[in-house]
Amino acid sequence: MNRAVVCAVLILVIAAASTGALLLLDRSTDRVFELIDNVILAGEQGTDDDVEAAIDELEGFWKEHYIRLSYLVQNNALNDISYAVAKLRPLYEYNADDFIAECRGIRYWVSLIYESQLPKLHSIM
């Protein structure tokens, strides 16, 4: 009986930790999406100062988000996303045609990482 209680408690703790990690990831991912959308909007309609501010905010938040994700996700895509975020400022400064495409690519990779962390029944069995 004691073993069953200990096992049940352990399972509940694991489930709670997993749920908490997923909620944290969900909120952080939503914020990254919002910041990327701000960069895209500023790039399409804003002034140079607006774009610089949006990129600064995205870079700052991505550094925090990267640290959170590195505890949860073992994925080389995190480094690729960090590289893409770092490329945004030079792409904009040199009026590169693929600035908006790079932003959308970052958004896509972040969404893939989030989706890969969602629990799926086939992963359990």
PDB file of N, CA and C in Angstrom:
ATOM      1  N   MET A   1       0.816  -1.193   0.000  1.00  0.00           N
ATOM      2  CA  MET A   1       0.000   0.000   0.000  1.00  0.00           C
ATOM      3  C   MET A   1       0.860   1.257   0.000  1.00  0.00           C
ATOM      4  N   ASN A   2       1.931   1.266   0.780  1.00  0.00           N
ATOM      5  CA  ASN A   2       2.813   2.429   0.845  1.00  0.00           C
ATOM      6  C   ASN A   2       3.479   2.691  -0.500  1.00  0.00           C
ATOM      7  N   ARG A   3       3.842   1.616  -1.199  1.00  0.00           N
ATOM      8  CA  ARG A   3       4.469   1.773  -2.512  1.00  0.00           C
ATOM      9  C   ARG A   3       3.492   2.404  -3.500  1.00  0.00           C
ATOM     10  N   ALA A   4       2.256   2.003  -3.428  1.00  0.00           N
ATOM     11  CA  ALA A   4       1.242   2.554  -4.331  1.00  0.00           C
ATOM     12  C   ALA A   4       1.059   4.055  -4.083  1.00  0.00           C
ATOM     13  N   VAL A   5       1.071   4.463  -2.831  1.00  0.00           N
ATOM     14  CA  VAL A   5       0.928   5.877  -2.491  1.00  0.00           C
ATOM     15  C   VAL A   5       2.146   6.669  -2.977  1.00  0.00           C
ATOM     16  N   VAL A   6       3.325   6.123  -2.764  1.00  0.00           N
ATOM     17  CA  VAL A   6       4.546   6.797  -3.218  1.00  0.00           C
ATOM     18  C   VAL A   6       4.542   6.920  -4.739  1.00  0.00           C
ATOM     19  N   CYS A   7       4.165   5.872  -5.440  1.00  0.00           N
ATOM     20  CA  CYS A   7       4.096   5.913  -6.907  1.00  0.00           C
ATOM     21  C   CYS A   7       3.067   6.930  -7.377  1.00  0.00           C
ATOM     22  N   ALA A   8       1.920   6.970  -6.723  1.00  0.00           N
ATOM     23  CA  ALA A   8       0.879   7.920  -7.103  1.00  0.00           C
ATOM     24  C   ALA A   8       1.358   9.356  -6.901  1.00  0.00           C
ATOM     25  N   VAL A   9       2.038   9.602  -5.793  1.00  0.00           N
ATOM     26  CA  VAL A   9       2.563  10.938  -5.520  1.00  0.00           C
ATOM     27  C   VAL A   9       3.609  11.318  -6.568  1.00  0.00           C
ATOM     28  N   LEU A  10       4.488  10.394  -6.899  1.00  0.00           N
ATOM     29  CA  LEU A  10       5.507  10.671  -7.917  1.00  0.00           C
ATOM     30  C   LEU A  10       4.879  10.979  -9.276  1.00  0.00           C
ATOM     31  N   ILE A  11       3.870  10.230  -9.647  1.00  0.00           N
ATOM     32  CA  ILE A  11       3.194  10.458 -10.920  1.00  0.00           C
ATOM     33  C   ILE A  11       2.510  11.829 -10.918  1.00  0.00           C
ATOM     34  N   LEU A  12       1.884  12.182  -9.798  1.00  0.00           N
ATOM     35  CA  LEU A  12       1.240  13.493  -9.698  1.00  0.00           C
ATOM     36  C   LEU A  12       2.256  14.637  -9.775  1.00  0.00           C
ATOM     37  N   VAL A  13       3.400  14.458  -9.149  1.00  0.00           N
ATOM     38  CA  VAL A  13       4.447  15.481  -9.191  1.00  0.00           C
ATOM     39  C   VAL A  13       4.973  15.635 -10.618  1.00  0.00           C
ATOM     40  N   ILE A  14       5.196  14.523 -11.295  1.00  0.00           N
ATOM     41  CA  ILE A  14       5.669  14.578 -12.685  1.00  0.00           C
ATOM     42  C   ILE A  14       4.628  15.242 -13.577  1.00  0.00           C
ATOM     43  N   ALA A  15       3.359  14.886 -13.389  1.00  0.00           N
ATOM     44  CA  ALA A  15       2.292  15.482 -14.195  1.00  0.00           C
ATOM     45  C   ALA A  15       2.183  16.986 -13.932  1.00  0.00           C
ATOM     46  N   ALA A  16       2.300  17.392 -12.678  1.00  0.00           N
ATOM     47  CA  ALA A  16       2.221  18.815 -12.344  1.00  0.00           C
ATOM     48  C   ALA A  16       3.408  19.583 -12.935  1.00  0.00           C
ATOM     49  N   ALA A  17       4.599  19.009 -12.844  1.00  0.00           N
ATOM     50  CA  ALA A  17       5.782  19.664 -13.404  1.00  0.00           C
ATOM     51  C   ALA A  17       5.664  19.776 -14.925  1.00  0.00           C
ATOM     52  N   SER A  18       5.170  18.739 -15.553  1.00  0.00           N
ATOM     53  CA  SER A  18       5.000  18.760 -17.010  1.00  0.00           C
ATOM     54  C   SER A  18       3.971  19.793 -17.426  1.00  0.00           C
ATOM     55  N   THR A  19       2.883  19.865 -16.703  1.00  0.00           N
ATOM     56  CA  THR A  19       1.847  20.846 -17.008  1.00  0.00           C
ATOM     57  C   THR A  19       2.371  22.267 -16.809  1.00  0.00           C
ATOM     58  N   GLY A  20       3.094  22.481 -15.733  1.00  0.00           N
ATOM     59  CA  GLY A  20       3.680  23.799 -15.482  1.00  0.00           C
ATOM     60  C   GLY A  20       4.665  24.197 -16.565  1.00  0.00           C
ATOM     61  N   ALA A  21       5.497  23.267 -16.993  1.00  0.00           N
ATOM     62  CA  ALA A  21       6.461  23.550 -18.051  1.00  0.00           C
ATOM     63  C   ALA A  21       5.745  23.877 -19.357  1.00  0.00           C
ATOM     64  N   LEU A  22       4.679  23.160 -19.644  1.00  0.00           N
ATOM     65  CA  LEU A  22       3.924  23.417 -20.867  1.00  0.00           C
ATOM     66  C   LEU A  22       3.241  24.779 -20.827  1.00  0.00           C
ATOM     67  N   LEU A  23       2.703  25.161 -19.675  1.00  0.00           N
ATOM     68  CA  LEU A  23       2.088  26.487 -19.539  1.00  0.00           C
ATOM     69  C   LEU A  23       3.125  27.604 -19.686  1.00  0.00           C
ATOM     70  N   LEU A  24       4.285  27.403 -19.092  1.00  0.00           N
ATOM     71  CA  LEU A  24       5.371  28.376 -19.220  1.00  0.00           C
ATOM     72  C   LEU A  24       5.787  28.509 -20.681  1.00  0.00           C
ATOM     73  N   LEU A  25       5.932  27.390 -21.348  1.00  0.00           N
ATOM     74  CA  LEU A  25       6.304  27.388 -22.752  1.00  0.00           C
ATOM     75  C   LEU A  25       5.234  28.067 -23.606  1.00  0.00           C
ATOM     76  N   ASP A  26       3.972  27.819 -23.292  1.00  0.00           N
ATOM     77  CA  ASP A  26       2.865  28.415 -24.038  1.00  0.00           C
ATOM     78  C   ASP A  26       2.887  29.939 -23.911  1.00  0.00           C
ATOM     79  N   ARG A  27       3.025  30.445 -22.698  1.00  0.00           N
ATOM     80  CA  ARG A  27       3.048  31.899 -22.495  1.00  0.00           C
ATOM     81  C   ARG A  27       4.256  32.550 -23.161  1.00  0.00           C
ATOM     82  N   SER A  28       5.410  31.915 -23.016  1.00  0.00           N
ATOM     83  CA  SER A  28       6.625  32.473 -23.618  1.00  0.00           C
ATOM     84  C   SER A  28       6.553  32.453 -25.137  1.00  0.00           C
ATOM     85  N   THR A  29       6.011  31.388 -25.686  1.00  0.00           N
ATOM     86  CA  THR A  29       5.880  31.281 -27.138  1.00  0.00           C
ATOM     87  C   THR A  29       4.920  32.333 -27.675  1.00  0.00           C
ATOM     88  N   ASP A  30       3.817  32.554 -26.973  1.00  0.00           N
ATOM     89  CA  ASP A  30       2.883  33.608 -27.384  1.00  0.00           C
ATOM     90  C   ASP A  30       3.565  34.971 -27.400  1.00  0.00           C
ATOM     91  N   ARG A  31       4.402  35.217 -26.415  1.00  0.00           N
ATOM     92  CA  ARG A  31       5.113  36.500 -26.346  1.00  0.00           C
ATOM     93  C   ARG A  31       6.109  36.632 -27.512  1.00  0.00           C
ATOM     94  N   VAL A  32       6.810  35.542 -27.837  1.00  0.00           N
ATOM     95  CA  VAL A  32       7.728  35.577 -28.975  1.00  0.00           C
ATOM     96  C   VAL A  32       6.958  35.865 -30.256  1.00  0.00           C
ATOM     97  N   PHE A  33       5.802  35.221 -30.437  1.00  0.00           N
ATOM     98  CA  PHE A  33       4.972  35.481 -31.613  1.00  0.00           C
ATOM     99  C   PHE A  33       4.581  36.954 -31.687  1.00  0.00           C
ATOM    100  N   GLU A  34       4.185  37.497 -30.552  1.00  0.00           N
ATOM    101  CA  GLU A  34       3.787  38.912 -30.507  1.00  0.00           C
ATOM    102  C   GLU A  34       4.945  39.823 -30.906  1.00  0.00           C
ATOM    103  N   LEU A  35       6.134  39.526 -30.387  1.00  0.00           N
ATOM    104  CA  LEU A  35       7.302  40.358 -30.694  1.00  0.00           C
ATOM    105  C   LEU A  35       7.710  40.227 -32.158  1.00  0.00           C
ATOM    106  N   ILE A  36       7.629  39.028 -32.713  1.00  0.00           N
ATOM    107  CA  ILE A  36       7.956  38.841 -34.124  1.00  0.00           C
ATOM    108  C   ILE A  36       6.954  39.590 -34.994  1.00  0.00           C
ATOM    109  N   ASP A  37       5.681  39.499 -34.610  1.00  0.00           N
ATOM    110  CA  ASP A  37       4.658  40.239 -35.357  1.00  0.00           C
ATOM    111  C   ASP A  37       4.907  41.741 -35.299  1.00  0.00           C
ATOM    112  N   ASN A  38       5.384  42.224 -34.143  1.00  0.00           N
ATOM    113  CA  ASN A  38       5.726  43.647 -34.019  1.00  0.00           C
ATOM    114  C   ASN A  38       6.880  44.031 -34.946  1.00  0.00           C
ATOM    115  N   VAL A  39       7.878  43.143 -35.044  1.00  0.00           N
ATOM    116  CA  VAL A  39       9.011  43.402 -35.942  1.00  0.00           C
ATOM    117  C   VAL A  39       8.538  43.439 -37.390  1.00  0.00           C
ATOM    118  N   ILE A  40       7.682  42.483 -37.755  1.00  0.00           N
ATOM    119  CA  ILE A  40       7.156  42.449 -39.126  1.00  0.00           C
ATOM    120  C   ILE A  40       6.354  43.716 -39.420  1.00  0.00           C
ATOM    121  N   LEU A  41       5.480  44.087 -38.508  1.00  0.00           N
ATOM    122  CA  LEU A  41       4.658  45.282 -38.701  1.00  0.00           C
ATOM    123  C   LEU A  41       5.524  46.532 -38.804  1.00  0.00           C
ATOM    124  N   ALA A  42       6.517  46.641 -37.920  1.00  0.00           N
ATOM    125  CA  ALA A  42       7.413  47.793 -37.969  1.00  0.00           C
ATOM    126  C   ALA A  42       8.217  47.802 -39.268  1.00  0.00           C
ATOM    127  N   GLY A  43       8.623  46.626 -39.723  1.00  0.00           N
ATOM    128  CA  GLY A  43       9.375  46.543 -40.970  1.00  0.00           C
ATOM    129  C   GLY A  43       8.549  46.935 -42.175  1.00  0.00           C
ATOM    130  N   GLU A  44       7.274  46.642 -42.135  1.00  0.00           N
ATOM    131  CA  GLU A  44       6.401  46.960 -43.263  1.00  0.00           C
ATOM    132  C   GLU A  44       5.878  48.389 -43.220  1.00  0.00           C
ATOM    133  N   GLN A  45       5.611  48.898 -42.017  1.00  0.00           N
ATOM    134  CA  GLN A  45       4.934  50.196 -41.915  1.00  0.00           C
ATOM    135  C   GLN A  45       5.639  51.222 -41.050  1.00  0.00           C
ATOM    136  N   GLY A  46       6.594  50.798 -40.254  1.00  0.00           N
ATOM    137  CA  GLY A  46       7.181  51.704 -39.273  1.00  0.00           C
ATOM    138  C   GLY A  46       8.402  52.442 -39.770  1.00  0.00           C
ATOM    139  N   THR A  47       8.908  53.276 -38.885  1.00  0.00           N
ATOM    140  CA  THR A  47      10.132  54.019 -39.159  1.00  0.00           C
ATOM    141  C   THR A  47      11.330  53.161 -38.758  1.00  0.00           C
ATOM    142  N   ASP A  48      12.518  53.653 -39.072  1.00  0.00           N
ATOM    143  CA  ASP A  48      13.733  52.935 -38.689  1.00  0.00           C
ATOM    144  C   ASP A  48      13.822  52.759 -37.183  1.00  0.00           C
ATOM    145  N   ASP A  49      13.439  53.793 -36.440  1.00  0.00           N
ATOM    146  CA  ASP A  49      13.476  53.707 -34.981  1.00  0.00           C
ATOM    147  C   ASP A  49      12.499  52.656 -34.461  1.00  0.00           C
ATOM    148  N   ASP A  50      11.337  52.549 -35.073  1.00  0.00           N
ATOM    149  CA  ASP A  50      10.360  51.537 -34.669  1.00  0.00           C
ATOM    150  C   ASP A  50      10.916  50.135 -34.876  1.00  0.00           C
ATOM    151  N   VAL A  51      11.570  49.928 -36.006  1.00  0.00           N
ATOM    152  CA  VAL A  51      12.133  48.610 -36.309  1.00  0.00           C
ATOM    153  C   VAL A  51      13.255  48.289 -35.333  1.00  0.00           C
ATOM    154  N   GLU A  52      14.126  49.247 -35.082  1.00  0.00           N
ATOM    155  CA  GLU A  52      15.226  49.035 -34.136  1.00  0.00           C
ATOM    156  C   GLU A  52      14.695  48.679 -32.753  1.00  0.00           C
ATOM    157  N   ALA A  53      13.680  49.396 -32.301  1.00  0.00           N
ATOM    158  CA  ALA A  53      13.093  49.119 -30.982  1.00  0.00           C
ATOM    159  C   ALA A  53      12.454  47.738 -30.953  1.00  0.00           C
ATOM    160  N   ALA A  54      11.758  47.364 -32.015  1.00  0.00           N
ATOM    161  CA  ALA A  54      11.109  46.054 -32.063  1.00  0.00           C
ATOM    162  C   ALA A  54      12.144  44.937 -32.081  1.00  0.00           C
ATOM    163  N   ILE A  55      13.219  45.124 -32.828  1.00  0.00           N
ATOM    164  CA  ILE A  55      14.280  44.112 -32.869  1.00  0.00           C
ATOM    165  C   ILE A  55      14.958  44.011 -31.513  1.00  0.00           C
ATOM    166  N   ASP A  56      15.221  45.148 -30.872  1.00  0.00           N
ATOM    167  CA  ASP A  56      15.827  45.133 -29.532  1.00  0.00           C
ATOM    168  C   ASP A  56      14.970  44.346 -28.553  1.00  0.00           C
ATOM    169  N   GLU A  57      13.673  44.592 -28.593  1.00  0.00           N
ATOM    170  CA  GLU A  57      12.772  43.901 -27.675  1.00  0.00           C
ATOM    171  C   GLU A  57      12.744  42.400 -27.960  1.00  0.00           C
ATOM    172  N   LEU A  58      12.728  42.038 -29.228  1.00  0.00           N
ATOM    173  CA  LEU A  58      12.738  40.616 -29.598  1.00  0.00           C
ATOM    174  C   LEU A  58      14.037  39.959 -29.161  1.00  0.00           C
ATOM    175  N   GLU A  59      15.162  40.602 -29.408  1.00  0.00           N
ATOM    176  CA  GLU A  59      16.447  40.028 -29.014  1.00  0.00           C
ATOM    177  C   GLU A  59      16.535  39.835 -27.504  1.00  0.00           C
ATOM    178  N   GLY A  60      16.085  40.819 -26.754  1.00  0.00           N
ATOM    179  CA  GLY A  60      16.129  40.715 -25.295  1.00  0.00           C
ATOM    180  C   GLY A  60      15.249  39.595 -24.778  1.00  0.00           C
ATOM    181  N   PHE A  61      14.047  39.508 -25.305  1.00  0.00           N
ATOM    182  CA  PHE A  61      13.143  38.455 -24.838  1.00  0.00           C
ATOM    183  C   PHE A  61      13.618  37.090 -25.303  1.00  0.00           C
ATOM    184  N   TRP A  62      14.162  36.994 -26.514  1.00  0.00           N
ATOM    185  CA  TRP A  62      14.615  35.690 -27.000  1.00  0.00           C
ATOM    186  C   TRP A  62      15.729  35.127 -26.119  1.00  0.00           C
ATOM    187  N   LYS A  63      16.602  35.998 -25.604  1.00  0.00           N
ATOM    188  CA  LYS A  63      17.665  35.519 -24.718  1.00  0.00           C
ATOM    189  C   LYS A  63      17.067  34.833 -23.488  1.00  0.00           C
ATOM    190  N   GLU A  64      16.029  35.430 -22.915  1.00  0.00           N
ATOM    191  CA  GLU A  64      15.357  34.826 -21.753  1.00  0.00           C
ATOM    192  C   GLU A  64      14.622  33.552 -22.163  1.00  0.00           C
ATOM    193  N   HIS A  65      13.909  33.616 -23.274  1.00  0.00           N
ATOM    194  CA  HIS A  65      13.127  32.485 -23.759  1.00  0.00           C
ATOM    195  C   HIS A  65      14.047  31.323 -24.108  1.00  0.00           C
ATOM    196  N   TYR A  66      15.200  31.611 -24.687  1.00  0.00           N
ATOM    197  CA  TYR A  66      16.172  30.577 -25.036  1.00  0.00           C
ATOM    198  C   TYR A  66      16.621  29.811 -23.796  1.00  0.00           C
ATOM    199  N   ILE A  67      16.868  30.540 -22.728  1.00  0.00           N
ATOM    200  CA  ILE A  67      17.306  29.888 -21.490  1.00  0.00           C
ATOM    201  C   ILE A  67      16.209  28.968 -20.964  1.00  0.00           C
ATOM    202  N   ARG A  68      14.968  29.442 -20.949  1.00  0.00           N
ATOM    203  CA  ARG A  68      13.849  28.600 -20.514  1.00  0.00           C
ATOM    204  C   ARG A  68      13.722  27.365 -21.398  1.00  0.00           C
ATOM    205  N   LEU A  69      13.783  27.578 -22.689  1.00  0.00           N
ATOM    206  CA  LEU A  69      13.628  26.461 -23.618  1.00  0.00           C
ATOM    207  C   LEU A  69      14.763  25.458 -23.505  1.00  0.00           C
ATOM    208  N   SER A  70      15.953  25.921 -23.227  1.00  0.00           N
ATOM    209  CA  SER A  70      17.089  25.005 -23.157  1.00  0.00           C
ATOM    210  C   SER A  70      16.946  24.006 -22.010  1.00  0.00           C
ATOM    211  N   TYR A  71      16.172  24.339 -20.986  1.00  0.00           N
ATOM    212  CA  TYR A  71      15.902  23.383 -19.921  1.00  0.00           C
ATOM    213  C   TYR A  71      14.854  22.354 -20.334  1.00  0.00           C
ATOM    214  N   LEU A  72      13.981  22.751 -21.253  1.00  0.00           N
ATOM    215  CA  LEU A  72      12.862  21.902 -21.631  1.00  0.00           C
ATOM    216  C   LEU A  72      13.085  21.161 -22.936  1.00  0.00           C
ATOM    217  N   VAL A  73      13.833  21.758 -23.849  1.00  0.00           N
ATOM    218  CA  VAL A  73      13.945  21.238 -25.206  1.00  0.00           C
ATOM    219  C   VAL A  73      15.401  20.931 -25.509  1.00  0.00           C
ATOM    220  N   GLN A  74      15.658  19.738 -25.976  1.00  0.00           N
ATOM    221  CA  GLN A  74      16.989  19.392 -26.460  1.00  0.00           C
ATOM    222  C   GLN A  74      16.921  19.438 -27.981  1.00  0.00           C
ATOM    223  N   ASN A  75      17.169  20.607 -28.539  1.00  0.00           N
ATOM    224  CA  ASN A  75      16.924  20.782 -29.951  1.00  0.00           C
ATOM    225  C   ASN A  75      17.938  21.758 -30.533  1.00  0.00           C
ATOM    226  N   ASN A  76      18.564  21.377 -31.638  1.00  0.00           N
ATOM    227  CA  ASN A  76      19.526  22.263 -32.289  1.00  0.00           C
ATOM    228  C   ASN A  76      18.842  23.446 -32.961  1.00  0.00           C
ATOM    229  N   ALA A  77      17.536  23.360 -33.140  1.00  0.00           N
ATOM    230  CA  ALA A  77      16.804  24.471 -33.756  1.00  0.00           C
ATOM    231  C   ALA A  77      16.899  25.736 -32.906  1.00  0.00           C
ATOM    232  N   LEU A  78      17.108  25.603 -31.608  1.00  0.00           N
ATOM    233  CA  LEU A  78      17.245  26.784 -30.747  1.00  0.00           C
ATOM    234  C   LEU A  78      18.431  27.636 -31.192  1.00  0.00           C
ATOM    235  N   ASN A  79      19.522  26.985 -31.526  1.00  0.00           N
ATOM    236  CA  ASN A  79      20.700  27.727 -31.990  1.00  0.00           C
ATOM    237  C   ASN A  79      20.436  28.367 -33.345  1.00  0.00           C
ATOM    238  N   ASP A  80      19.707  27.667 -34.204  1.00  0.00           N
ATOM    239  CA  ASP A  80      19.365  28.234 -35.509  1.00  0.00           C
ATOM    240  C   ASP A  80      18.472  29.457 -35.355  1.00  0.00           C
ATOM    241  N   ILE A  81      17.526  29.388 -34.427  1.00  0.00           N
ATOM    242  CA  ILE A  81      16.638  30.529 -34.195  1.00  0.00           C
ATOM    243  C   ILE A  81      17.432  31.697 -33.624  1.00  0.00           C
ATOM    244  N   SER A  82      18.339  31.420 -32.702  1.00  0.00           N
ATOM    245  CA  SER A  82      19.176  32.490 -32.140  1.00  0.00           C
ATOM    246  C   SER A  82      20.000  33.161 -33.234  1.00  0.00           C
ATOM    247  N   TYR A  83      20.513  32.365 -34.144  1.00  0.00           N
ATOM    248  CA  TYR A  83      21.277  32.919 -35.267  1.00  0.00           C
ATOM    249  C   TYR A  83      20.384  33.787 -36.153  1.00  0.00           C
ATOM    250  N   ALA A  84      19.171  33.313 -36.414  1.00  0.00           N
ATOM    251  CA  ALA A  84      18.239  34.072 -37.257  1.00  0.00           C
ATOM    252  C   ALA A  84      17.843  35.378 -36.585  1.00  0.00           C
ATOM    253  N   VAL A  85      17.620  35.357 -35.269  1.00  0.00           N
ATOM    254  CA  VAL A  85      17.276  36.584 -34.545  1.00  0.00           C
ATOM    255  C   VAL A  85      18.449  37.569 -34.607  1.00  0.00           C
ATOM    256  N   ALA A  86      19.656  37.052 -34.480  1.00  0.00           N
ATOM    257  CA  ALA A  86      20.832  37.925 -34.548  1.00  0.00           C
ATOM    258  C   ALA A  86      21.021  38.518 -35.946  1.00  0.00           C
ATOM    259  N   LYS A  87      20.536  37.827 -36.978  1.00  0.00           N
ATOM    260  CA  LYS A  87      20.668  38.330 -38.355  1.00  0.00           C
ATOM    261  C   LYS A  87      19.662  39.415 -38.689  1.00  0.00           C
ATOM    262  N   LEU A  88      18.612  39.573 -37.902  1.00  0.00           N
ATOM    263  CA  LEU A  88      17.553  40.513 -38.268  1.00  0.00           C
ATOM    264  C   LEU A  88      18.056  41.942 -38.422  1.00  0.00           C
ATOM    265  N   ARG A  89      18.848  42.395 -37.478  1.00  0.00           N
ATOM    266  CA  ARG A  89      19.317  43.794 -37.529  1.00  0.00           C
ATOM    267  C   ARG A  89      20.161  44.057 -38.785  1.00  0.00           C
ATOM    268  N   PRO A  90      21.156  43.221 -39.082  1.00  0.00           N
ATOM    269  CA  PRO A  90      21.911  43.464 -40.322  1.00  0.00           C
ATOM    270  C   PRO A  90      21.051  43.354 -41.583  1.00  0.00           C
ATOM    271  N   LEU A  91      20.108  42.425 -41.585  1.00  0.00           N
ATOM    272  CA  LEU A  91      19.228  42.310 -42.747  1.00  0.00           C
ATOM    273  C   LEU A  91      18.445  43.596 -42.960  1.00  0.00           C
ATOM    274  N   TYR A  92      17.958  44.163 -41.882  1.00  0.00           N
ATOM    275  CA  TYR A  92      17.183  45.403 -42.005  1.00  0.00           C
ATOM    276  C   TYR A  92      18.089  46.574 -42.397  1.00  0.00           C
ATOM    277  N   GLU A  93      19.250  46.660 -41.781  1.00  0.00           N
ATOM    278  CA  GLU A  93      20.160  47.778 -42.057  1.00  0.00           C
ATOM    279  C   GLU A  93      20.606  47.809 -43.516  1.00  0.00           C
ATOM    280  N   TYR A  94      20.741  46.633 -44.118  1.00  0.00           N
ATOM    281  CA  TYR A  94      21.178  46.569 -45.517  1.00  0.00           C
ATOM    282  C   TYR A  94      20.003  46.419 -46.484  1.00  0.00           C
ATOM    283  N   ASN A  95      18.788  46.683 -45.986  1.00  0.00           N
ATOM    284  CA  ASN A  95      17.571  46.636 -46.807  1.00  0.00           C
ATOM    285  C   ASN A  95      17.439  45.326 -47.583  1.00  0.00           C
ATOM    286  N   ALA A  96      17.746  44.239 -46.920  1.00  0.00           N
ATOM    287  CA  ALA A  96      17.658  42.925 -47.563  1.00  0.00           C
ATOM    288  C   ALA A  96      16.198  42.579 -47.843  1.00  0.00           C
ATOM    289  N   ASP A  97      15.998  41.951 -48.972  1.00  0.00           N
ATOM    290  CA  ASP A  97      14.638  41.580 -49.368  1.00  0.00           C
ATOM    291  C   ASP A  97      14.041  40.501 -48.472  1.00  0.00           C
ATOM    292  N   ASP A  98      14.892  39.717 -47.839  1.00  0.00           N
ATOM    293  CA  ASP A  98      14.374  38.596 -47.060  1.00  0.00           C
ATOM    294  C   ASP A  98      14.229  38.888 -45.564  1.00  0.00           C
ATOM    295  N   PHE A  99      14.164  40.169 -45.197  1.00  0.00           N
ATOM    296  CA  PHE A  99      13.981  40.531 -43.783  1.00  0.00           C
ATOM    297  C   PHE A  99      12.670  39.972 -43.239  1.00  0.00           C
ATOM    298  N   ILE A 100      11.565  40.222 -43.931  1.00  0.00           N
ATOM    299  CA  ILE A 100      10.253  39.750 -43.483  1.00  0.00           C
ATOM    300  C   ILE A 100      10.196  38.226 -43.551  1.00  0.00           C
ATOM    301  N   ALA A 101      10.792  37.653 -44.587  1.00  0.00           N
ATOM    302  CA  ALA A 101      10.813  36.191 -44.715  1.00  0.00           C
ATOM    303  C   ALA A 101      11.581  35.560 -43.555  1.00  0.00           C
ATOM    304  N   GLU A 102      12.651  36.197 -43.144  1.00  0.00           N
ATOM    305  CA  GLU A 102      13.426  35.677 -42.004  1.00  0.00           C
ATOM    306  C   GLU A 102      12.592  35.735 -40.721  1.00  0.00           C
ATOM    307  N   CYS A 103      11.842  36.813 -40.540  1.00  0.00           N
ATOM    308  CA  CYS A 103      10.951  36.933 -39.378  1.00  0.00           C
ATOM    309  C   CYS A 103       9.911  35.813 -39.382  1.00  0.00           C
ATOM    310  N   ARG A 104       9.324  35.581 -40.529  1.00  0.00           N
ATOM    311  CA  ARG A 104       8.316  34.515 -40.633  1.00  0.00           C
ATOM    312  C   ARG A 104       8.940  33.146 -40.423  1.00  0.00           C
ATOM    313  N   GLY A 105      10.167  32.983 -40.857  1.00  0.00           N
ATOM    314  CA  GLY A 105      10.873  31.724 -40.614  1.00  0.00           C
ATOM    315  C   GLY A 105      11.110  31.489 -39.130  1.00  0.00           C
ATOM    316  N   ILE A 106      11.481  32.538 -38.413  1.00  0.00           N
ATOM    317  CA  ILE A 106      11.672  32.432 -36.961  1.00  0.00           C
ATOM    318  C   ILE A 106      10.360  32.031 -36.301  1.00  0.00           C
ATOM    319  N   ARG A 107       9.300  32.675 -36.706  1.00  0.00           N
ATOM    320  CA  ARG A 107       7.971  32.368 -36.143  1.00  0.00           C
ATOM    321  C   ARG A 107       7.605  30.907 -36.392  1.00  0.00           C
ATOM    322  N   TYR A 108       7.892  30.413 -37.576  1.00  0.00           N
ATOM    323  CA  TYR A 108       7.595  29.022 -37.925  1.00  0.00           C
ATOM    324  C   TYR A 108       8.399  28.052 -37.070  1.00  0.00           C
ATOM    325  N   TRP A 109       9.704  28.315 -36.908  1.00  0.00           N
ATOM    326  CA  TRP A 109      10.538  27.420 -36.107  1.00  0.00           C
ATOM    327  C   TRP A 109      10.119  27.411 -34.639  1.00  0.00           C
ATOM    328  N   VAL A 110       9.752  28.566 -34.120  1.00  0.00           N
ATOM    329  CA  VAL A 110       9.287  28.628 -32.727  1.00  0.00           C
ATOM    330  C   VAL A 110       7.995  27.821 -32.578  1.00  0.00           C
ATOM    331  N   SER A 111       7.107  27.922 -33.560  1.00  0.00           N
ATOM    332  CA  SER A 111       5.862  27.158 -33.482  1.00  0.00           C
ATOM    333  C   SER A 111       6.131  25.655 -33.574  1.00  0.00           C
ATOM    334  N   LEU A 112       7.108  25.252 -34.376  1.00  0.00           N
ATOM    335  CA  LEU A 112       7.450  23.831 -34.456  1.00  0.00           C
ATOM    336  C   LEU A 112       7.991  23.298 -33.130  1.00  0.00           C
ATOM    337  N   ILE A 113       8.799  24.105 -32.477  1.00  0.00           N
ATOM    338  CA  ILE A 113       9.334  23.681 -31.180  1.00  0.00           C
ATOM    339  C   ILE A 113       8.198  23.536 -30.172  1.00  0.00           C
ATOM    340  N   TYR A 114       7.292  24.508 -30.169  1.00  0.00           N
ATOM    341  CA  TYR A 114       6.155  24.434 -29.248  1.00  0.00           C
ATOM    342  C   TYR A 114       5.316  23.183 -29.526  1.00  0.00           C
ATOM    343  N   GLU A 115       5.012  22.953 -30.783  1.00  0.00           N
ATOM    344  CA  GLU A 115       4.183  21.795 -31.137  1.00  0.00           C
ATOM    345  C   GLU A 115       4.879  20.482 -30.801  1.00  0.00           C
ATOM    346  N   SER A 116       6.195  20.453 -30.889  1.00  0.00           N
ATOM    347  CA  SER A 116       6.918  19.219 -30.574  1.00  0.00           C
ATOM    348  C   SER A 116       6.870  18.892 -29.080  1.00  0.00           C
ATOM    349  N   GLN A 117       6.576  19.892 -28.263  1.00  0.00           N
ATOM    350  CA  GLN A 117       6.525  19.673 -26.817  1.00  0.00           C
ATOM    351  C   GLN A 117       5.130  19.321 -26.308  1.00  0.00           C
ATOM    352  N   LEU A 118       4.136  19.423 -27.168  1.00  0.00           N
ATOM    353  CA  LEU A 118       2.781  19.067 -26.749  1.00  0.00           C
ATOM    354  C   LEU A 118       2.683  17.561 -26.549  1.00  0.00           C
ATOM    355  N   PRO A 119       2.001  17.129 -25.493  1.00  0.00           N
ATOM    356  CA  PRO A 119       1.885  15.685 -25.271  1.00  0.00           C
ATOM    357  C   PRO A 119       1.012  15.039 -26.336  1.00  0.00           C
ATOM    358  N   LYS A 120       1.452  13.889 -26.788  1.00  0.00           N
ATOM    359  CA  LYS A 120       0.708  13.152 -27.799  1.00  0.00           C
ATOM    360  C   LYS A 120       0.556  11.707 -27.321  1.00  0.00           C
ATOM    361  N   LEU A 121      -0.594  11.147 -27.574  1.00  0.00           N
ATOM    362  CA  LEU A 121      -0.887   9.794 -27.101  1.00  0.00           C
ATOM    363  C   LEU A 121       0.089   8.778 -27.663  1.00  0.00           C
ATOM    364  N   HIS A 122       0.460   8.912 -28.917  1.00  0.00           N
ATOM    365  CA  HIS A 122       1.378   7.922 -29.516  1.00  0.00           C
ATOM    366  C   HIS A 122       2.783   7.997 -28.896  1.00  0.00           C
ATOM    367  N   SER A 123       3.124   9.107 -28.259  1.00  0.00           N
ATOM    368  CA  SER A 123       4.430   9.229 -27.601  1.00  0.00           C
ATOM    369  C   SER A 123       4.455   8.476 -26.277  1.00  0.00           C
ATOM    370  N   ILE A 124       3.302   8.301 -25.685  1.00  0.00           N
ATOM    371  CA  ILE A 124       3.220   7.646 -24.377  1.00  0.00           C
ATOM    372  C   ILE A 124       3.280   6.139 -24.528  1.00  0.00           C
ATOM    373  N   MET A 125       2.652   5.634 -25.543  1.00  0.00           N
ATOM    374  CA  MET A 125       2.553   4.181 -25.700  1.00  0.00           C
ATOM    375  C   MET A 125       3.711   3.577 -26.397  1.00  0.00           C
TER     376      MET A 125
END
